[in-house]
Amino acid sequence: MIFKNRPDIQLNEELVKRNKVPLLIKDPLWRSMSVHIKDRKIDALSKKLEQLVKEEKTNEAEINRFKKKKAETTKIILEMSHRLNENDQYHVIDKMDKTKEELQKVNQQLENAYEKRDRMPVDIQNANMELLNATVEKAALHLIKENQAHQKVEAEIEQVRNKLNVLREHKEKAEEKIQVYYQFLHSLLGPEQMEKLDNQIQYTDSK
């Protein structure tokens, strides 16, 4: 079947989610297919998705770093608080206040990182869906193109096959006539004269 119209494909996002479509940039089938599809939109969307995946990984590393920093800063504040309360070391007050400000900053950074962590899966899923839509559209167009090329080749093969059948029939008919002529002349002229005739016409028995 040759496709004649541009396909109108509307993906059902809920169905796609239920089918658990993989992250396309890490899917072997998508990667092997996308090599044959040269498209700026797909390139841009795949790079966008790669960047989001990279950001998600970086954000996780940042969370771990902030958590470690928070624990270290909290420990320092507790130590200074103990020195102040138990040993009346009032000179640590300024440093403790600055450390508390630093802790507040770390807490805010950690909160921002947690919020980003919550957003990232949705952002990645949306970017993956964008890439899927673009890929489906292009893949369908390539399917049409390749299918039409395939049908054209099939038609040409069929033409060649039919031509070969016709030529084979002509060949068989010619061979039948040659045998009849040869047998007739051989019966009249004899072997010696036929050998001379064979040399003149370069006759060879194909059977």
N, C-alpha and C. Protein backbone atom coordinates (compact mmCIF):
# COMPACT_ATOMS: atom_id res chain seq x y z
N MET A 1 0.85 -1.21 0.00
CA MET A 1 0.00 0.00 0.00
C MET A 1 0.87 1.24 0.00
N ILE A 2 0.58 2.19 -0.88
CA ILE A 2 1.32 3.44 -0.93
C ILE A 2 0.51 4.52 -0.24
N PHE A 3 1.13 5.17 0.76
CA PHE A 3 0.45 6.26 1.47
C PHE A 3 0.41 7.48 0.57
N LYS A 4 -0.74 8.11 0.48
CA LYS A 4 -0.87 9.27 -0.39
C LYS A 4 -1.01 10.58 0.38
N ASN A 5 -1.44 10.49 1.64
CA ASN A 5 -1.66 11.69 2.42
C ASN A 5 -0.70 11.77 3.60
N ARG A 6 -0.42 12.99 4.01
CA ARG A 6 0.41 13.19 5.19
C ARG A 6 -0.33 12.65 6.42
N PRO A 7 0.31 11.80 7.23
CA PRO A 7 -0.38 11.20 8.36
C PRO A 7 -0.71 12.23 9.44
N ASP A 8 -1.89 12.10 10.00
CA ASP A 8 -2.31 12.97 11.10
C ASP A 8 -2.37 12.12 12.36
N ILE A 9 -1.28 12.14 13.12
CA ILE A 9 -1.16 11.27 14.29
C ILE A 9 -1.22 12.10 15.55
N GLN A 10 -2.22 11.83 16.38
CA GLN A 10 -2.37 12.51 17.66
C GLN A 10 -2.10 11.51 18.77
N LEU A 11 -1.01 11.70 19.49
CA LEU A 11 -0.66 10.77 20.55
C LEU A 11 -1.53 11.01 21.78
N ASN A 12 -2.00 9.93 22.36
CA ASN A 12 -2.75 9.99 23.61
C ASN A 12 -1.74 9.94 24.76
N GLU A 13 -1.54 11.08 25.42
CA GLU A 13 -0.50 11.16 26.45
C GLU A 13 -0.77 10.20 27.60
N GLU A 14 -2.02 10.04 27.98
CA GLU A 14 -2.34 9.13 29.08
C GLU A 14 -2.01 7.69 28.70
N LEU A 15 -2.31 7.35 27.45
CA LEU A 15 -1.99 6.00 26.97
C LEU A 15 -0.49 5.80 26.91
N VAL A 16 0.22 6.83 26.46
CA VAL A 16 1.67 6.76 26.39
C VAL A 16 2.26 6.55 27.78
N LYS A 17 1.72 7.27 28.77
CA LYS A 17 2.21 7.13 30.14
C LYS A 17 1.95 5.73 30.68
N ARG A 18 0.76 5.20 30.37
CA ARG A 18 0.43 3.85 30.85
C ARG A 18 1.33 2.80 30.20
N ASN A 19 1.72 3.05 28.96
CA ASN A 19 2.59 2.11 28.25
C ASN A 19 4.05 2.24 28.67
N LYS A 20 4.32 3.20 29.55
CA LYS A 20 5.66 3.39 30.09
C LYS A 20 6.70 3.56 28.98
N VAL A 21 6.49 4.57 28.16
CA VAL A 21 7.45 4.88 27.10
C VAL A 21 8.80 5.21 27.74
N PRO A 22 9.87 4.60 27.28
CA PRO A 22 11.18 4.84 27.90
C PRO A 22 11.71 6.23 27.60
N LEU A 23 12.74 6.61 28.32
CA LEU A 23 13.44 7.86 28.03
C LEU A 23 14.11 7.67 26.67
N LEU A 24 13.63 8.40 25.67
CA LEU A 24 14.00 8.13 24.28
C LEU A 24 15.49 8.20 24.03
N ILE A 25 16.17 9.19 24.63
CA ILE A 25 17.60 9.36 24.34
C ILE A 25 18.43 8.20 24.87
N LYS A 26 17.83 7.35 25.72
CA LYS A 26 18.54 6.18 26.24
C LYS A 26 17.97 4.87 25.69
N ASP A 27 17.00 4.99 24.81
CA ASP A 27 16.36 3.80 24.24
C ASP A 27 17.12 3.34 22.99
N PRO A 28 17.62 2.10 22.97
CA PRO A 28 18.42 1.61 21.82
C PRO A 28 17.67 1.69 20.49
N LEU A 29 16.38 1.36 20.51
CA LEU A 29 15.61 1.38 19.26
C LEU A 29 15.48 2.80 18.73
N TRP A 30 15.18 3.76 19.61
CA TRP A 30 15.08 5.16 19.18
C TRP A 30 16.42 5.66 18.66
N ARG A 31 17.49 5.31 19.36
CA ARG A 31 18.82 5.77 18.95
C ARG A 31 19.20 5.23 17.58
N SER A 32 18.91 3.95 17.34
CA SER A 32 19.26 3.35 16.04
C SER A 32 18.42 3.94 14.91
N MET A 33 17.15 4.28 15.22
CA MET A 33 16.27 4.86 14.20
C MET A 33 16.60 6.32 13.94
N SER A 34 16.90 7.07 15.00
CA SER A 34 17.12 8.52 14.86
C SER A 34 18.37 8.83 14.04
N VAL A 35 19.28 7.86 13.93
CA VAL A 35 20.48 8.06 13.10
C VAL A 35 20.08 8.35 11.65
N HIS A 36 18.96 7.76 11.22
CA HIS A 36 18.51 7.91 9.83
C HIS A 36 17.59 9.11 9.64
N ILE A 37 17.26 9.80 10.74
CA ILE A 37 16.36 10.96 10.65
C ILE A 37 17.14 12.23 10.95
N LYS A 38 17.39 13.02 9.94
CA LYS A 38 18.09 14.28 10.11
C LYS A 38 17.06 15.40 10.22
N ASP A 39 16.88 15.91 11.43
CA ASP A 39 15.85 16.92 11.65
C ASP A 39 16.29 17.85 12.77
N ARG A 40 16.26 19.15 12.51
CA ARG A 40 16.73 20.13 13.49
C ARG A 40 15.88 20.13 14.76
N LYS A 41 14.57 19.98 14.58
CA LYS A 41 13.68 20.00 15.73
C LYS A 41 13.97 18.83 16.66
N ILE A 42 14.14 17.66 16.08
CA ILE A 42 14.44 16.47 16.88
C ILE A 42 15.80 16.62 17.56
N ASP A 43 16.78 17.16 16.83
CA ASP A 43 18.10 17.39 17.43
C ASP A 43 18.00 18.33 18.62
N ALA A 44 17.24 19.42 18.45
CA ALA A 44 17.09 20.41 19.53
C ALA A 44 16.38 19.82 20.74
N LEU A 45 15.32 19.05 20.48
CA LEU A 45 14.55 18.46 21.58
C LEU A 45 15.34 17.38 22.31
N SER A 46 16.14 16.63 21.57
CA SER A 46 16.95 15.59 22.22
C SER A 46 18.03 16.22 23.09
N LYS A 47 18.60 17.34 22.61
CA LYS A 47 19.60 18.06 23.41
C LYS A 47 18.96 18.67 24.66
N LYS A 48 17.73 19.17 24.50
CA LYS A 48 17.00 19.72 25.65
C LYS A 48 16.77 18.63 26.69
N LEU A 49 16.38 17.45 26.24
CA LEU A 49 16.13 16.34 27.15
C LEU A 49 17.42 15.88 27.82
N GLU A 50 18.50 15.82 27.05
CA GLU A 50 19.80 15.46 27.62
C GLU A 50 20.22 16.44 28.71
N GLN A 51 19.97 17.73 28.46
CA GLN A 51 20.32 18.77 29.43
C GLN A 51 19.51 18.61 30.71
N LEU A 52 18.23 18.30 30.58
CA LEU A 52 17.38 18.11 31.76
C LEU A 52 17.83 16.90 32.59
N VAL A 53 18.18 15.83 31.90
CA VAL A 53 18.67 14.64 32.60
C VAL A 53 19.97 14.94 33.33
N LYS A 54 20.83 15.71 32.66
CA LYS A 54 22.09 16.12 33.27
C LYS A 54 21.83 17.01 34.49
N GLU A 55 20.88 17.94 34.36
CA GLU A 55 20.53 18.84 35.47
C GLU A 55 19.99 18.05 36.66
N GLU A 56 19.18 17.04 36.38
CA GLU A 56 18.62 16.22 37.46
C GLU A 56 19.74 15.52 38.23
N LYS A 57 20.71 14.99 37.50
CA LYS A 57 21.84 14.32 38.14
C LYS A 57 22.67 15.31 38.95
N THR A 58 22.90 16.50 38.37
CA THR A 58 23.66 17.54 39.06
C THR A 58 22.93 18.00 40.31
N ASN A 59 21.61 18.13 40.21
CA ASN A 59 20.81 18.58 41.35
C ASN A 59 20.88 17.58 42.51
N GLU A 60 20.90 16.30 42.20
CA GLU A 60 21.03 15.28 43.25
C GLU A 60 22.37 15.41 43.96
N ALA A 61 23.41 15.69 43.17
CA ALA A 61 24.73 15.89 43.77
C ALA A 61 24.73 17.14 44.66
N GLU A 62 24.02 18.18 44.21
CA GLU A 62 23.92 19.41 45.00
C GLU A 62 23.18 19.16 46.31
N ILE A 63 22.12 18.38 46.27
CA ILE A 63 21.37 18.05 47.49
C ILE A 63 22.28 17.36 48.50
N ASN A 64 23.05 16.40 48.02
CA ASN A 64 23.97 15.69 48.93
C ASN A 64 25.01 16.65 49.51
N ARG A 65 25.48 17.57 48.67
CA ARG A 65 26.48 18.54 49.14
C ARG A 65 25.87 19.49 50.17
N PHE A 66 24.67 19.97 49.92
CA PHE A 66 24.01 20.88 50.86
C PHE A 66 23.68 20.18 52.18
N LYS A 67 23.26 18.91 52.10
CA LYS A 67 22.95 18.15 53.31
C LYS A 67 24.20 17.97 54.18
N LYS A 68 25.31 17.70 53.50
CA LYS A 68 26.57 17.54 54.22
C LYS A 68 26.98 18.87 54.85
N LYS A 69 26.84 19.95 54.07
CA LYS A 69 27.18 21.29 54.57
C LYS A 69 26.29 21.67 55.74
N LYS A 70 25.01 21.33 55.66
CA LYS A 70 24.07 21.63 56.74
C LYS A 70 24.47 20.91 58.02
N ALA A 71 24.82 19.64 57.89
CA ALA A 71 25.22 18.86 59.06
C ALA A 71 26.48 19.43 59.70
N GLU A 72 27.44 19.80 58.85
CA GLU A 72 28.70 20.37 59.36
C GLU A 72 28.45 21.71 60.05
N THR A 73 27.64 22.56 59.43
CA THR A 73 27.35 23.89 59.99
C THR A 73 26.57 23.77 61.30
N THR A 74 25.61 22.87 61.32
CA THR A 74 24.83 22.64 62.55
C THR A 74 25.73 22.18 63.69
N LYS A 75 26.66 21.31 63.37
CA LYS A 75 27.60 20.82 64.39
C LYS A 75 28.44 21.96 64.94
N ILE A 76 28.89 22.86 64.07
CA ILE A 76 29.70 24.00 64.51
C ILE A 76 28.89 24.91 65.42
N ILE A 77 27.63 25.16 65.05
CA ILE A 77 26.76 26.02 65.87
C ILE A 77 26.53 25.40 67.25
N LEU A 78 26.30 24.10 67.30
CA LEU A 78 26.09 23.42 68.58
C LEU A 78 27.33 23.49 69.45
N GLU A 79 28.49 23.35 68.82
CA GLU A 79 29.75 23.43 69.58
C GLU A 79 29.95 24.83 70.15
N MET A 80 29.69 25.85 69.32
CA MET A 80 29.85 27.23 69.79
C MET A 80 28.80 27.57 70.85
N SER A 81 27.59 27.04 70.69
CA SER A 81 26.54 27.26 71.69
C SER A 81 26.93 26.65 73.03
N HIS A 82 27.55 25.48 72.97
CA HIS A 82 28.01 24.82 74.20
C HIS A 82 29.11 25.64 74.87
N ARG A 83 30.03 26.15 74.05
CA ARG A 83 31.12 26.97 74.60
C ARG A 83 30.57 28.24 75.25
N LEU A 84 29.54 28.80 74.63
CA LEU A 84 28.94 30.02 75.17
C LEU A 84 28.18 29.74 76.47
N ASN A 85 27.42 28.68 76.50
CA ASN A 85 26.57 28.39 77.66
C ASN A 85 27.35 27.79 78.83
N GLU A 86 28.33 26.97 78.50
CA GLU A 86 29.05 26.28 79.57
C GLU A 86 30.28 27.04 80.04
N ASN A 87 30.92 27.73 79.11
CA ASN A 87 32.20 28.37 79.45
C ASN A 87 32.16 29.89 79.35
N ASP A 88 30.99 30.41 79.10
CA ASP A 88 30.84 31.87 79.00
C ASP A 88 31.81 32.50 78.01
N GLN A 89 32.02 31.81 76.88
CA GLN A 89 32.93 32.35 75.85
C GLN A 89 32.12 33.25 74.91
N TYR A 90 31.90 34.48 75.38
CA TYR A 90 31.03 35.40 74.65
C TYR A 90 31.64 35.87 73.31
N HIS A 91 32.94 35.67 73.17
CA HIS A 91 33.57 36.12 71.93
C HIS A 91 33.12 35.30 70.71
N VAL A 92 32.46 34.17 70.96
CA VAL A 92 32.01 33.33 69.84
C VAL A 92 30.65 33.77 69.30
N ILE A 93 30.03 34.75 69.97
CA ILE A 93 28.67 35.15 69.57
C ILE A 93 28.62 35.64 68.13
N ASP A 94 29.54 36.54 67.78
CA ASP A 94 29.55 37.08 66.40
C ASP A 94 29.74 35.97 65.38
N LYS A 95 30.70 35.11 65.68
CA LYS A 95 30.98 34.01 64.75
C LYS A 95 29.78 33.06 64.66
N MET A 96 29.12 32.83 65.79
CA MET A 96 27.96 31.94 65.80
C MET A 96 26.81 32.55 65.00
N ASP A 97 26.63 33.88 65.12
CA ASP A 97 25.58 34.55 64.35
C ASP A 97 25.83 34.42 62.84
N LYS A 98 27.10 34.59 62.46
CA LYS A 98 27.45 34.46 61.04
C LYS A 98 27.23 33.02 60.56
N THR A 99 27.56 32.08 61.45
CA THR A 99 27.38 30.67 61.09
C THR A 99 25.90 30.33 60.96
N LYS A 100 25.07 30.94 61.81
CA LYS A 100 23.63 30.73 61.71
C LYS A 100 23.08 31.30 60.39
N GLU A 101 23.62 32.44 59.98
CA GLU A 101 23.22 33.02 58.70
C GLU A 101 23.62 32.08 57.55
N GLU A 102 24.80 31.51 57.71
CA GLU A 102 25.28 30.56 56.70
C GLU A 102 24.37 29.34 56.66
N LEU A 103 23.92 28.90 57.86
CA LEU A 103 23.01 27.75 57.93
C LEU A 103 21.68 28.07 57.25
N GLN A 104 21.18 29.27 57.46
CA GLN A 104 19.93 29.68 56.82
C GLN A 104 20.06 29.67 55.30
N LYS A 105 21.23 30.13 54.85
CA LYS A 105 21.49 30.14 53.41
C LYS A 105 21.52 28.72 52.86
N VAL A 106 22.19 27.83 53.59
CA VAL A 106 22.27 26.43 53.16
C VAL A 106 20.88 25.79 53.16
N ASN A 107 20.09 26.09 54.19
CA ASN A 107 18.73 25.56 54.26
C ASN A 107 17.89 26.01 53.07
N GLN A 108 18.05 27.27 52.67
CA GLN A 108 17.31 27.80 51.52
C GLN A 108 17.77 27.12 50.24
N GLN A 109 19.08 26.94 50.11
CA GLN A 109 19.62 26.25 48.93
C GLN A 109 19.11 24.81 48.87
N LEU A 110 19.07 24.17 50.03
CA LEU A 110 18.59 22.79 50.09
C LEU A 110 17.10 22.71 49.74
N GLU A 111 16.33 23.66 50.24
CA GLU A 111 14.90 23.70 49.93
C GLU A 111 14.67 23.91 48.44
N ASN A 112 15.45 24.82 47.85
CA ASN A 112 15.35 25.07 46.40
C ASN A 112 15.69 23.81 45.61
N ALA A 113 16.72 23.11 46.07
CA ALA A 113 17.14 21.89 45.38
C ALA A 113 16.07 20.80 45.49
N TYR A 114 15.42 20.71 46.66
CA TYR A 114 14.34 19.74 46.83
C TYR A 114 13.16 20.08 45.91
N GLU A 115 12.85 21.36 45.81
CA GLU A 115 11.76 21.79 44.93
C GLU A 115 12.08 21.46 43.47
N LYS A 116 13.34 21.67 43.11
CA LYS A 116 13.76 21.35 41.75
C LYS A 116 13.68 19.85 41.51
N ARG A 117 14.05 19.07 42.53
CA ARG A 117 13.97 17.62 42.41
C ARG A 117 12.53 17.17 42.13
N ASP A 118 11.58 17.84 42.79
CA ASP A 118 10.17 17.51 42.59
C ASP A 118 9.70 17.87 41.18
N ARG A 119 10.27 18.95 40.63
CA ARG A 119 9.85 19.42 39.29
C ARG A 119 10.48 18.61 38.16
N MET A 120 11.70 18.15 38.39
CA MET A 120 12.49 17.56 37.30
C MET A 120 11.80 16.39 36.60
N PRO A 121 11.21 15.43 37.32
CA PRO A 121 10.56 14.31 36.61
C PRO A 121 9.47 14.77 35.65
N VAL A 122 8.70 15.77 36.06
CA VAL A 122 7.63 16.30 35.18
C VAL A 122 8.25 17.00 33.98
N ASP A 123 9.29 17.80 34.21
CA ASP A 123 9.97 18.50 33.11
C ASP A 123 10.56 17.50 32.12
N ILE A 124 11.17 16.45 32.66
CA ILE A 124 11.78 15.42 31.81
C ILE A 124 10.71 14.67 31.03
N GLN A 125 9.62 14.34 31.71
CA GLN A 125 8.52 13.63 31.04
C GLN A 125 7.92 14.47 29.92
N ASN A 126 7.73 15.76 30.18
CA ASN A 126 7.19 16.66 29.15
C ASN A 126 8.14 16.78 27.96
N ALA A 127 9.43 16.91 28.25
CA ALA A 127 10.43 17.01 27.17
C ALA A 127 10.49 15.72 26.38
N ASN A 128 10.37 14.60 27.08
CA ASN A 128 10.37 13.29 26.41
C ASN A 128 9.15 13.16 25.50
N MET A 129 8.02 13.69 25.97
CA MET A 129 6.78 13.65 25.18
C MET A 129 6.91 14.53 23.94
N GLU A 130 7.53 15.69 24.10
CA GLU A 130 7.77 16.58 22.95
C GLU A 130 8.62 15.86 21.91
N LEU A 131 9.68 15.22 22.38
CA LEU A 131 10.58 14.50 21.48
C LEU A 131 9.86 13.34 20.82
N LEU A 132 9.01 12.66 21.58
CA LEU A 132 8.25 11.54 21.03
C LEU A 132 7.31 12.01 19.92
N ASN A 133 6.60 13.10 20.15
CA ASN A 133 5.69 13.65 19.13
C ASN A 133 6.44 14.00 17.85
N ALA A 134 7.58 14.69 18.02
CA ALA A 134 8.37 15.10 16.85
C ALA A 134 8.91 13.88 16.11
N THR A 135 9.34 12.88 16.88
CA THR A 135 9.90 11.67 16.27
C THR A 135 8.83 10.88 15.53
N VAL A 136 7.66 10.75 16.14
CA VAL A 136 6.56 10.01 15.50
C VAL A 136 6.19 10.66 14.17
N GLU A 137 6.10 11.98 14.18
CA GLU A 137 5.75 12.70 12.94
C GLU A 137 6.78 12.46 11.84
N LYS A 138 8.06 12.58 12.21
CA LYS A 138 9.11 12.40 11.21
C LYS A 138 9.22 10.94 10.78
N ALA A 139 9.09 10.03 11.74
CA ALA A 139 9.19 8.60 11.43
C ALA A 139 8.07 8.19 10.47
N ALA A 140 6.88 8.75 10.68
CA ALA A 140 5.75 8.44 9.80
C ALA A 140 6.02 8.94 8.38
N LEU A 141 6.58 10.14 8.28
CA LEU A 141 6.92 10.70 6.95
C LEU A 141 7.99 9.86 6.27
N HIS A 142 8.99 9.43 7.05
CA HIS A 142 10.04 8.57 6.48
C HIS A 142 9.46 7.22 6.08
N LEU A 143 8.50 6.73 6.87
CA LEU A 143 7.86 5.46 6.52
C LEU A 143 7.14 5.58 5.18
N ILE A 144 6.45 6.70 4.98
CA ILE A 144 5.76 6.94 3.71
C ILE A 144 6.76 6.96 2.56
N LYS A 145 7.84 7.71 2.76
CA LYS A 145 8.85 7.84 1.71
C LYS A 145 9.48 6.49 1.37
N GLU A 146 9.87 5.75 2.40
CA GLU A 146 10.52 4.46 2.18
C GLU A 146 9.53 3.45 1.59
N ASN A 147 8.27 3.52 2.03
CA ASN A 147 7.27 2.61 1.49
C ASN A 147 7.02 2.88 0.01
N GLN A 148 6.99 4.15 -0.37
CA GLN A 148 6.80 4.50 -1.78
C GLN A 148 7.99 4.03 -2.61
N ALA A 149 9.20 4.21 -2.06
CA ALA A 149 10.40 3.74 -2.76
C ALA A 149 10.38 2.22 -2.90
N HIS A 150 9.94 1.56 -1.84
CA HIS A 150 9.85 0.10 -1.86
C HIS A 150 8.85 -0.38 -2.90
N GLN A 151 7.70 0.28 -2.96
CA GLN A 151 6.68 -0.09 -3.93
C GLN A 151 7.17 0.13 -5.36
N LYS A 152 7.94 1.20 -5.55
CA LYS A 152 8.50 1.49 -6.87
C LYS A 152 9.47 0.39 -7.29
N VAL A 153 10.32 -0.02 -6.35
CA VAL A 153 11.28 -1.09 -6.64
C VAL A 153 10.54 -2.39 -6.93
N GLU A 154 9.50 -2.68 -6.13
CA GLU A 154 8.70 -3.89 -6.35
C GLU A 154 8.08 -3.88 -7.75
N ALA A 155 7.58 -2.72 -8.16
CA ALA A 155 6.97 -2.61 -9.49
C ALA A 155 8.01 -2.84 -10.59
N GLU A 156 9.21 -2.28 -10.39
CA GLU A 156 10.28 -2.46 -11.38
C GLU A 156 10.71 -3.92 -11.44
N ILE A 157 10.78 -4.56 -10.27
CA ILE A 157 11.14 -5.98 -10.23
C ILE A 157 10.10 -6.81 -10.97
N GLU A 158 8.82 -6.47 -10.77
CA GLU A 158 7.74 -7.18 -11.44
C GLU A 158 7.82 -7.00 -12.96
N GLN A 159 8.18 -5.78 -13.40
CA GLN A 159 8.33 -5.52 -14.83
C GLN A 159 9.46 -6.37 -15.41
N VAL A 160 10.58 -6.40 -14.69
CA VAL A 160 11.73 -7.20 -15.15
C VAL A 160 11.37 -8.68 -15.18
N ARG A 161 10.63 -9.12 -14.14
CA ARG A 161 10.22 -10.52 -14.08
C ARG A 161 9.32 -10.87 -15.27
N ASN A 162 8.39 -9.98 -15.58
CA ASN A 162 7.49 -10.21 -16.72
C ASN A 162 8.26 -10.23 -18.03
N LYS A 163 9.22 -9.30 -18.13
CA LYS A 163 10.03 -9.25 -19.36
C LYS A 163 10.85 -10.52 -19.52
N LEU A 164 11.39 -11.02 -18.40
CA LEU A 164 12.17 -12.26 -18.44
C LEU A 164 11.29 -13.43 -18.87
N ASN A 165 10.06 -13.45 -18.38
CA ASN A 165 9.14 -14.52 -18.76
C ASN A 165 8.85 -14.49 -20.26
N VAL A 166 8.65 -13.26 -20.78
CA VAL A 166 8.40 -13.12 -22.23
C VAL A 166 9.63 -13.56 -23.02
N LEU A 167 10.81 -13.12 -22.59
CA LEU A 167 12.05 -13.50 -23.28
C LEU A 167 12.28 -15.01 -23.21
N ARG A 168 11.93 -15.61 -22.06
CA ARG A 168 12.10 -17.05 -21.91
C ARG A 168 11.19 -17.80 -22.89
N GLU A 169 9.97 -17.29 -23.05
CA GLU A 169 9.03 -17.91 -24.00
C GLU A 169 9.55 -17.79 -25.43
N HIS A 170 10.08 -16.60 -25.77
CA HIS A 170 10.65 -16.40 -27.11
C HIS A 170 11.82 -17.34 -27.34
N LYS A 171 12.64 -17.50 -26.31
CA LYS A 171 13.82 -18.37 -26.41
C LYS A 171 13.40 -19.82 -26.65
N GLU A 172 12.40 -20.26 -25.89
CA GLU A 172 11.95 -21.64 -26.03
C GLU A 172 11.34 -21.89 -27.41
N LYS A 173 10.56 -20.91 -27.89
CA LYS A 173 9.96 -21.05 -29.23
C LYS A 173 11.04 -21.07 -30.31
N ALA A 174 12.04 -20.21 -30.16
CA ALA A 174 13.14 -20.16 -31.14
C ALA A 174 13.90 -21.48 -31.16
N GLU A 175 14.14 -22.05 -29.97
CA GLU A 175 14.86 -23.32 -29.88
C GLU A 175 14.07 -24.45 -30.53
N GLU A 176 12.73 -24.42 -30.35
CA GLU A 176 11.89 -25.44 -30.97
C GLU A 176 11.98 -25.36 -32.50
N LYS A 177 11.92 -24.12 -33.03
CA LYS A 177 12.00 -23.93 -34.48
C LYS A 177 13.37 -24.35 -35.01
N ILE A 178 14.43 -24.00 -34.26
CA ILE A 178 15.78 -24.36 -34.68
C ILE A 178 15.92 -25.87 -34.79
N GLN A 179 15.37 -26.59 -33.81
CA GLN A 179 15.46 -28.05 -33.82
C GLN A 179 14.74 -28.64 -35.03
N VAL A 180 13.57 -28.06 -35.32
CA VAL A 180 12.80 -28.56 -36.47
C VAL A 180 13.59 -28.33 -37.76
N TYR A 181 14.13 -27.10 -37.94
CA TYR A 181 14.90 -26.78 -39.14
C TYR A 181 16.15 -27.65 -39.24
N TYR A 182 16.81 -27.82 -38.11
CA TYR A 182 18.06 -28.58 -38.10
C TYR A 182 17.80 -30.04 -38.46
N GLN A 183 16.78 -30.61 -37.84
CA GLN A 183 16.47 -32.02 -38.10
C GLN A 183 16.07 -32.22 -39.57
N PHE A 184 15.32 -31.26 -40.11
CA PHE A 184 14.91 -31.37 -41.52
C PHE A 184 16.13 -31.33 -42.44
N LEU A 185 17.00 -30.35 -42.23
CA LEU A 185 18.18 -30.22 -43.08
C LEU A 185 19.14 -31.38 -42.90
N HIS A 186 19.27 -31.86 -41.69
CA HIS A 186 20.18 -32.97 -41.41
C HIS A 186 19.72 -34.24 -42.12
N SER A 187 18.40 -34.42 -42.17
CA SER A 187 17.88 -35.63 -42.82
C SER A 187 18.09 -35.58 -44.33
N LEU A 188 18.17 -34.38 -44.91
CA LEU A 188 18.35 -34.24 -46.34
C LEU A 188 19.81 -34.17 -46.76
N LEU A 189 20.62 -33.41 -46.00
CA LEU A 189 22.00 -33.14 -46.40
C LEU A 189 22.99 -34.18 -45.90
N GLY A 190 22.71 -34.83 -44.82
CA GLY A 190 23.64 -35.79 -44.27
C GLY A 190 24.64 -35.13 -43.34
N PRO A 191 25.37 -35.95 -42.59
CA PRO A 191 26.29 -35.43 -41.56
C PRO A 191 27.39 -34.54 -42.12
N GLU A 192 27.96 -34.94 -43.26
CA GLU A 192 29.11 -34.21 -43.78
C GLU A 192 28.72 -32.79 -44.20
N GLN A 193 27.62 -32.66 -44.93
CA GLN A 193 27.17 -31.35 -45.37
C GLN A 193 26.66 -30.50 -44.19
N MET A 194 26.05 -31.20 -43.24
CA MET A 194 25.54 -30.46 -42.06
C MET A 194 26.69 -29.89 -41.23
N GLU A 195 27.80 -30.63 -41.20
CA GLU A 195 28.95 -30.13 -40.44
C GLU A 195 29.46 -28.83 -41.06
N LYS A 196 29.49 -28.79 -42.41
CA LYS A 196 29.90 -27.56 -43.09
C LYS A 196 28.92 -26.42 -42.78
N LEU A 197 27.62 -26.77 -42.80
CA LEU A 197 26.60 -25.75 -42.51
C LEU A 197 26.72 -25.25 -41.06
N ASP A 198 27.00 -26.21 -40.19
CA ASP A 198 27.16 -25.83 -38.77
C ASP A 198 28.29 -24.83 -38.61
N ASN A 199 29.38 -25.06 -39.31
CA ASN A 199 30.52 -24.15 -39.22
C ASN A 199 30.19 -22.77 -39.78
N GLN A 200 29.35 -22.74 -40.82
CA GLN A 200 28.99 -21.46 -41.43
C GLN A 200 28.05 -20.63 -40.53
N ILE A 201 27.09 -21.33 -39.91
CA ILE A 201 26.11 -20.58 -39.09
C ILE A 201 26.47 -20.59 -37.60
N GLN A 202 27.58 -21.31 -37.29
CA GLN A 202 28.04 -21.42 -35.89
C GLN A 202 26.91 -21.91 -34.99
N TYR A 203 26.25 -22.96 -35.44
CA TYR A 203 25.13 -23.52 -34.69
C TYR A 203 25.65 -24.31 -33.49
N THR A 204 25.01 -24.13 -32.37
CA THR A 204 25.32 -24.93 -31.17
C THR A 204 24.00 -25.41 -30.59
N ASP A 205 23.98 -26.65 -30.21
CA ASP A 205 22.78 -27.22 -29.59
C ASP A 205 22.74 -26.81 -28.13
N SER A 206 21.71 -26.04 -27.75
CA SER A 206 21.64 -25.52 -26.38
C SER A 206 21.15 -26.57 -25.40
N LYS A 207 20.64 -27.68 -25.89
CA LYS A 207 20.13 -28.71 -24.99
C LYS A 207 21.24 -29.64 -24.56
